[in-house]
């Protein structure tokens, strides 16, 4: 971890680097800037969320009581691991992980004054828009691989790498997810899915058949905040330039304000 200096340079924060479980996959800071959460896979049946408080002056990290928090594995996935490839924070109230090798999404409530995590009833929820759902488990690759939440906090979206679609869920008053629908194939592809700063638009890796693997750029959607439906923007997709035999494989991107 680094501390940002007034001239834009970086210095290691006090005590950095900080010990975690083996296999950190993704991290997120809550909107208040008080807590850091790290999604980890340490091996079969062992997936966790590491939780830290952040010192507002030095940036130093301190593990929260109860950390690391275990990500549940359904009994019918006895040989599997969640492999949380992505972790997102919904307005500082709920935390969700994309359990890529378990075809599911896990959810946790965030303690308002402590930052500690409590798994939401019903979690993990099967990724019904993916290529498989429990009880068979473990037959899909990276479904879902990444998550996003709309600006109202009412809908969650998961991009499924193998099926190449986006699953849409509603978020209940207690943070529980209800599967609504998926967008159909060749809509979302490899890589992250992200909302813009307003939460009105959603972007993901774009699929296509013109080049091997079908990763041709970014696709953009407007979000219906009443139904959760996605409508592709008139100018979408936004294709990469100078594609040749193999298109670039999207690993990460960010949407600026």
Protein backbone atom coordinates (compact mmCIF):
# COMPACT_ATOMS: atom_id res chain seq x y z
CA UNK A 1 0.00 0.00 0.00
CA UNK A 2 1.21 3.52 -0.84
CA UNK A 3 0.50 6.98 0.53
CA UNK A 4 -0.13 9.74 -2.01
CA UNK A 5 2.11 12.79 -1.56
CA UNK A 6 1.22 16.41 -2.32
CA UNK A 7 3.25 16.33 -5.55
CA UNK A 8 1.54 13.15 -6.75
CA UNK A 9 4.42 10.85 -5.86
CA UNK A 10 3.95 7.71 -3.76
CA UNK A 11 5.58 6.47 -0.57
CA UNK A 12 4.95 3.12 1.15
CA UNK A 13 2.38 3.44 3.93
CA UNK A 14 3.50 2.64 7.47
CA UNK A 15 3.80 -1.14 7.91
CA UNK A 16 3.33 -1.92 4.21
CA UNK A 17 3.20 -4.59 2.85
CA UNK A 18 0.44 -6.12 4.99
CA UNK A 19 -0.02 -9.86 5.41
CA UNK A 20 -3.12 -11.52 3.93
CA UNK A 21 -4.23 -15.03 3.15
CA UNK A 22 -2.65 -16.62 0.08
CA UNK A 23 -4.16 -15.61 -3.25
CA UNK A 24 -5.58 -12.05 -3.19
CA UNK A 25 -7.76 -11.61 -6.30
CA UNK A 26 -9.41 -8.19 -6.02
CA UNK A 27 -9.91 -5.34 -3.56
CA UNK A 28 -12.29 -2.47 -2.88
CA UNK A 29 -12.41 0.53 -0.52
CA UNK A 30 -15.79 1.48 0.96
CA UNK A 31 -17.20 4.92 0.03
CA UNK A 32 -16.26 6.42 3.41
CA UNK A 33 -12.60 5.50 2.86
CA UNK A 34 -12.49 3.81 6.27
CA UNK A 35 -12.31 0.16 5.23
CA UNK A 36 -10.50 -2.02 2.70
CA UNK A 37 -11.79 -5.43 1.62
CA UNK A 38 -9.70 -8.02 -0.21
CA UNK A 39 -11.20 -11.08 -1.95
CA UNK A 40 -8.94 -14.13 -1.71
CA UNK A 41 -8.75 -17.77 -2.71
CA UNK A 42 -6.30 -19.91 -0.77
CA UNK A 43 -7.27 -23.32 -2.17
CA UNK A 44 -10.18 -25.79 -2.48
CA UNK A 45 -12.97 -24.87 -0.05
CA UNK A 46 -10.96 -21.88 1.18
CA UNK A 47 -12.07 -18.48 -0.08
CA UNK A 48 -12.12 -15.40 2.13
CA UNK A 49 -12.66 -11.67 2.38
CA UNK A 50 -9.90 -9.95 4.33
CA UNK A 51 -11.13 -6.75 6.02
CA UNK A 52 -9.01 -3.84 7.27
CA UNK A 53 -9.59 -0.44 8.81
CA UNK A 54 -7.68 2.38 7.14
CA UNK A 55 -5.87 4.99 9.23
CA UNK A 56 -7.06 8.31 7.79
CA UNK A 57 -3.72 10.01 8.44
CA UNK A 58 -1.06 7.42 7.66
CA UNK A 59 -3.05 5.01 5.48
CA UNK A 60 -1.89 2.10 7.63
CA UNK A 61 -4.10 -1.00 7.70
CA UNK A 62 -5.39 -2.83 10.77
CA UNK A 63 -7.30 -6.13 10.46
CA UNK A 64 -10.93 -5.88 11.60
CA UNK A 65 -12.26 -8.21 14.31
CA UNK A 66 -13.30 -11.54 12.76
CA UNK A 67 -11.21 -11.05 9.63
CA UNK A 68 -10.76 -12.98 7.38
CA UNK A 69 -14.44 -13.74 6.65
CA UNK A 70 -15.12 -17.09 4.97
CA UNK A 71 -17.04 -17.23 1.68
CA UNK A 72 -19.50 -20.10 1.99
CA UNK A 73 -19.26 -23.09 -0.34
CA UNK A 74 -22.53 -25.00 -0.91
CA UNK A 75 -22.42 -28.63 0.22
CA UNK A 76 -23.08 -29.78 -3.33
CA UNK A 77 -19.87 -28.05 -4.44
CA UNK A 78 -17.73 -30.04 -2.04
CA UNK A 79 -14.69 -30.09 -4.34
CA UNK A 80 -14.92 -26.49 -5.37
CA UNK A 81 -13.77 -23.05 -4.32
CA UNK A 82 -15.48 -19.71 -4.85
CA UNK A 83 -12.47 -18.10 -6.54
CA UNK A 84 -13.77 -14.54 -6.04
CA UNK A 85 -12.41 -12.75 -9.12
CA UNK A 86 -14.13 -9.44 -8.29
CA UNK A 87 -15.48 -7.65 -5.21
CA UNK A 88 -17.75 -4.59 -5.14
CA UNK A 89 -19.19 -2.34 -2.45
CA UNK A 90 -22.79 -1.16 -2.76
CA UNK A 91 -22.97 2.27 -1.10
CA UNK A 92 -21.09 1.08 1.97
CA UNK A 93 -23.98 -1.23 2.99
CA UNK A 94 -23.35 -4.49 1.15
CA UNK A 95 -20.39 -6.32 -0.31
CA UNK A 96 -20.63 -8.81 -3.20
CA UNK A 97 -18.11 -11.21 -4.73
CA UNK A 98 -18.10 -12.79 -8.20
CA UNK A 99 -17.56 -16.46 -7.34
CA UNK A 100 -16.17 -17.37 -10.74
CA UNK A 101 -15.63 -21.11 -10.23
CA UNK A 102 -18.81 -21.68 -8.20
CA UNK A 103 -21.29 -20.13 -10.68
CA UNK A 104 -22.63 -17.84 -7.98
CA UNK A 105 -22.56 -14.46 -6.24
CA UNK A 106 -21.92 -14.10 -2.50
CA UNK A 107 -23.18 -11.17 -0.44
CA UNK A 108 -22.32 -9.67 2.94
CA UNK A 109 -23.83 -6.88 5.04
CA UNK A 110 -21.30 -4.30 6.25
CA UNK A 111 -21.49 -3.28 9.89
CA UNK A 112 -22.22 0.45 9.83
CA UNK A 113 -19.95 1.38 12.73
CA UNK A 114 -17.48 -1.50 12.64
CA UNK A 115 -16.96 -2.41 8.98
CA UNK A 116 -17.22 -6.10 9.87
CA UNK A 117 -19.10 -8.50 7.58
CA UNK A 118 -22.12 -10.74 8.07
CA UNK A 119 -23.19 -13.06 5.26
CA UNK A 120 -26.65 -12.21 3.93
CA UNK A 121 -29.36 -14.88 4.26
CA UNK A 122 -29.58 -16.92 1.06
CA UNK A 123 -25.97 -16.23 0.01
CA UNK A 124 -24.42 -17.50 -2.22
CA UNK A 125 -26.95 -17.09 -5.04
CA UNK A 126 -26.64 -19.24 -8.20
CA UNK A 127 -25.63 -17.45 -11.39
CA UNK A 128 -28.73 -18.42 -13.34
CA UNK A 129 -27.62 -16.49 -16.38
CA UNK A 130 -24.43 -18.50 -16.64
CA UNK A 131 -23.81 -21.85 -18.29
CA UNK A 132 -24.64 -23.90 -15.22
CA UNK A 133 -26.14 -23.58 -11.75
CA UNK A 134 -25.80 -25.65 -8.60
CA UNK A 135 -26.14 -28.52 -7.79
CA UNK A 136 -23.75 -29.73 -10.50
CA UNK A 137 -21.31 -26.79 -10.10
CA UNK A 138 -17.79 -26.32 -11.42
CA UNK A 139 -18.51 -26.86 -15.11
CA UNK A 140 -18.17 -23.21 -16.09
CA UNK A 141 -15.27 -20.84 -16.50
CA UNK A 142 -15.52 -17.42 -14.89
CA UNK A 143 -19.28 -17.09 -14.52
CA UNK A 144 -19.55 -14.44 -13.24
CA UNK A 145 -16.11 -12.88 -13.61
CA UNK A 146 -17.07 -9.33 -12.62
CA UNK A 147 -19.90 -7.36 -10.97
CA UNK A 148 -21.39 -3.85 -11.03
CA UNK A 149 -24.27 -2.07 -9.25
CA UNK A 150 -26.48 0.65 -10.75
CA UNK A 151 -26.68 4.16 -9.31
CA UNK A 152 -29.84 3.48 -7.32
CA UNK A 153 -28.39 0.43 -5.60
CA UNK A 154 -31.41 -1.62 -6.74
CA UNK A 155 -29.77 -3.79 -9.40
CA UNK A 156 -26.61 -5.89 -9.67
CA UNK A 157 -25.03 -7.02 -12.95
CA UNK A 158 -22.64 -9.92 -13.50
CA UNK A 159 -20.72 -10.54 -16.73
CA UNK A 160 -20.32 -14.23 -17.62
CA UNK A 161 -17.14 -14.95 -19.56
CA UNK A 162 -17.95 -18.40 -20.92
CA UNK A 163 -21.56 -17.72 -21.93
CA UNK A 164 -20.81 -14.15 -23.02
CA UNK A 165 -23.83 -12.56 -21.45
CA UNK A 166 -24.78 -10.32 -18.52
CA UNK A 167 -26.96 -11.54 -15.66
CA UNK A 168 -29.32 -9.02 -14.01
CA UNK A 169 -30.39 -9.25 -10.35
CA UNK A 170 -32.54 -7.06 -8.13
CA UNK A 171 -31.16 -6.13 -4.70
CA UNK A 172 -33.63 -6.46 -1.83
CA UNK A 173 -33.94 -4.19 1.18
CA UNK A 174 -31.69 -6.58 3.14
CA UNK A 175 -29.14 -6.92 0.31
CA UNK A 176 -30.43 -10.29 -0.89
CA UNK A 177 -30.32 -10.93 -4.65
CA UNK A 178 -33.15 -12.11 -6.90
CA UNK A 179 -32.26 -13.26 -10.41
CA UNK A 180 -34.32 -11.40 -13.01
CA UNK A 181 -32.94 -12.28 -16.47
CA UNK A 182 -29.88 -12.37 -18.63
CA UNK A 183 -29.15 -10.37 -21.75
CA UNK A 184 -28.56 -13.26 -24.14
CA UNK A 185 -25.25 -14.36 -25.60
CA UNK A 186 -22.52 -12.29 -27.25
CA UNK A 187 -23.28 -9.17 -25.20
CA UNK A 188 -20.75 -9.13 -22.34
CA UNK A 189 -17.38 -10.82 -22.62
CA UNK A 190 -14.02 -11.23 -20.92
CA UNK A 191 -12.93 -8.67 -18.36
CA UNK A 192 -14.62 -6.33 -15.90
CA UNK A 193 -18.05 -4.72 -15.99
CA UNK A 194 -18.24 -1.19 -14.60
CA UNK A 195 -20.82 1.57 -14.12
CA UNK A 196 -19.98 5.23 -14.66
CA UNK A 197 -19.88 7.67 -11.73
CA UNK A 198 -23.59 8.52 -12.11
CA UNK A 199 -24.63 4.86 -12.13
CA UNK A 200 -26.73 5.49 -15.24
CA UNK A 201 -24.48 3.68 -17.72
CA UNK A 202 -22.77 0.31 -17.79
CA UNK A 203 -19.72 -0.83 -19.76
CA UNK A 204 -18.25 -4.28 -20.41
CA UNK A 205 -15.98 -6.11 -22.79
CA UNK A 206 -17.64 -6.44 -26.20
CA UNK A 207 -18.06 -9.77 -28.00
CA UNK A 208 -17.89 -10.42 -31.70
CA UNK A 209 -16.97 -12.99 -34.31
CA UNK A 210 -14.74 -10.96 -36.62
CA UNK A 211 -11.53 -11.94 -34.81
CA UNK A 212 -10.43 -14.97 -32.78
CA UNK A 213 -11.87 -15.06 -29.25
CA UNK A 214 -14.31 -12.32 -30.15
CA UNK A 215 -13.00 -9.53 -27.92
CA UNK A 216 -13.45 -6.45 -30.09
CA UNK A 217 -13.67 -3.54 -27.64
CA UNK A 218 -16.17 -2.12 -25.15
CA UNK A 219 -19.95 -2.23 -25.21
CA UNK A 220 -22.01 0.45 -23.43
CA UNK A 221 -25.56 0.40 -22.06
CA UNK A 222 -28.04 2.78 -20.50
CA UNK A 223 -29.67 1.41 -17.33
CA UNK A 224 -33.41 1.40 -16.71
CA UNK A 225 -33.57 2.11 -12.97
CA UNK A 226 -37.13 0.81 -12.72
CA UNK A 227 -36.69 -2.63 -14.34
CA UNK A 228 -32.92 -3.05 -14.40
CA UNK A 229 -33.02 -3.61 -18.17
CA UNK A 230 -30.04 -2.64 -20.31
CA UNK A 231 -30.31 -0.82 -23.64
CA UNK A 232 -27.20 -0.66 -25.80
CA UNK A 233 -26.08 2.90 -26.51
CA UNK A 234 -26.52 4.08 -30.13
CA UNK A 235 -22.76 4.51 -30.61
CA UNK A 236 -21.84 1.13 -29.05
CA UNK A 237 -19.72 -0.99 -29.44
CA UNK A 238 -16.49 0.95 -29.12
CA UNK A 239 -14.04 -1.18 -31.06
CA UNK A 240 -10.30 -1.36 -30.63
CA UNK A 241 -8.21 0.13 -33.43
CA UNK A 242 -5.66 -1.79 -35.50
CA UNK A 243 -7.04 -5.23 -34.82
CA UNK A 244 -5.16 -7.94 -36.68
CA UNK A 245 -5.05 -11.70 -36.21
CA UNK A 246 -5.80 -11.50 -32.49
CA UNK A 247 -7.74 -8.74 -30.79
CA UNK A 248 -6.53 -7.35 -27.46
CA UNK A 249 -7.86 -9.23 -24.43
CA UNK A 250 -9.50 -6.80 -22.00
CA UNK A 251 -8.06 -7.18 -18.50
CA UNK A 252 -9.15 -3.96 -16.80
CA UNK A 253 -10.51 -0.49 -17.38
CA UNK A 254 -11.89 2.45 -15.40
CA UNK A 255 -14.67 4.95 -16.06
CA UNK A 256 -13.74 8.52 -15.06
CA UNK A 257 -16.27 11.03 -13.67
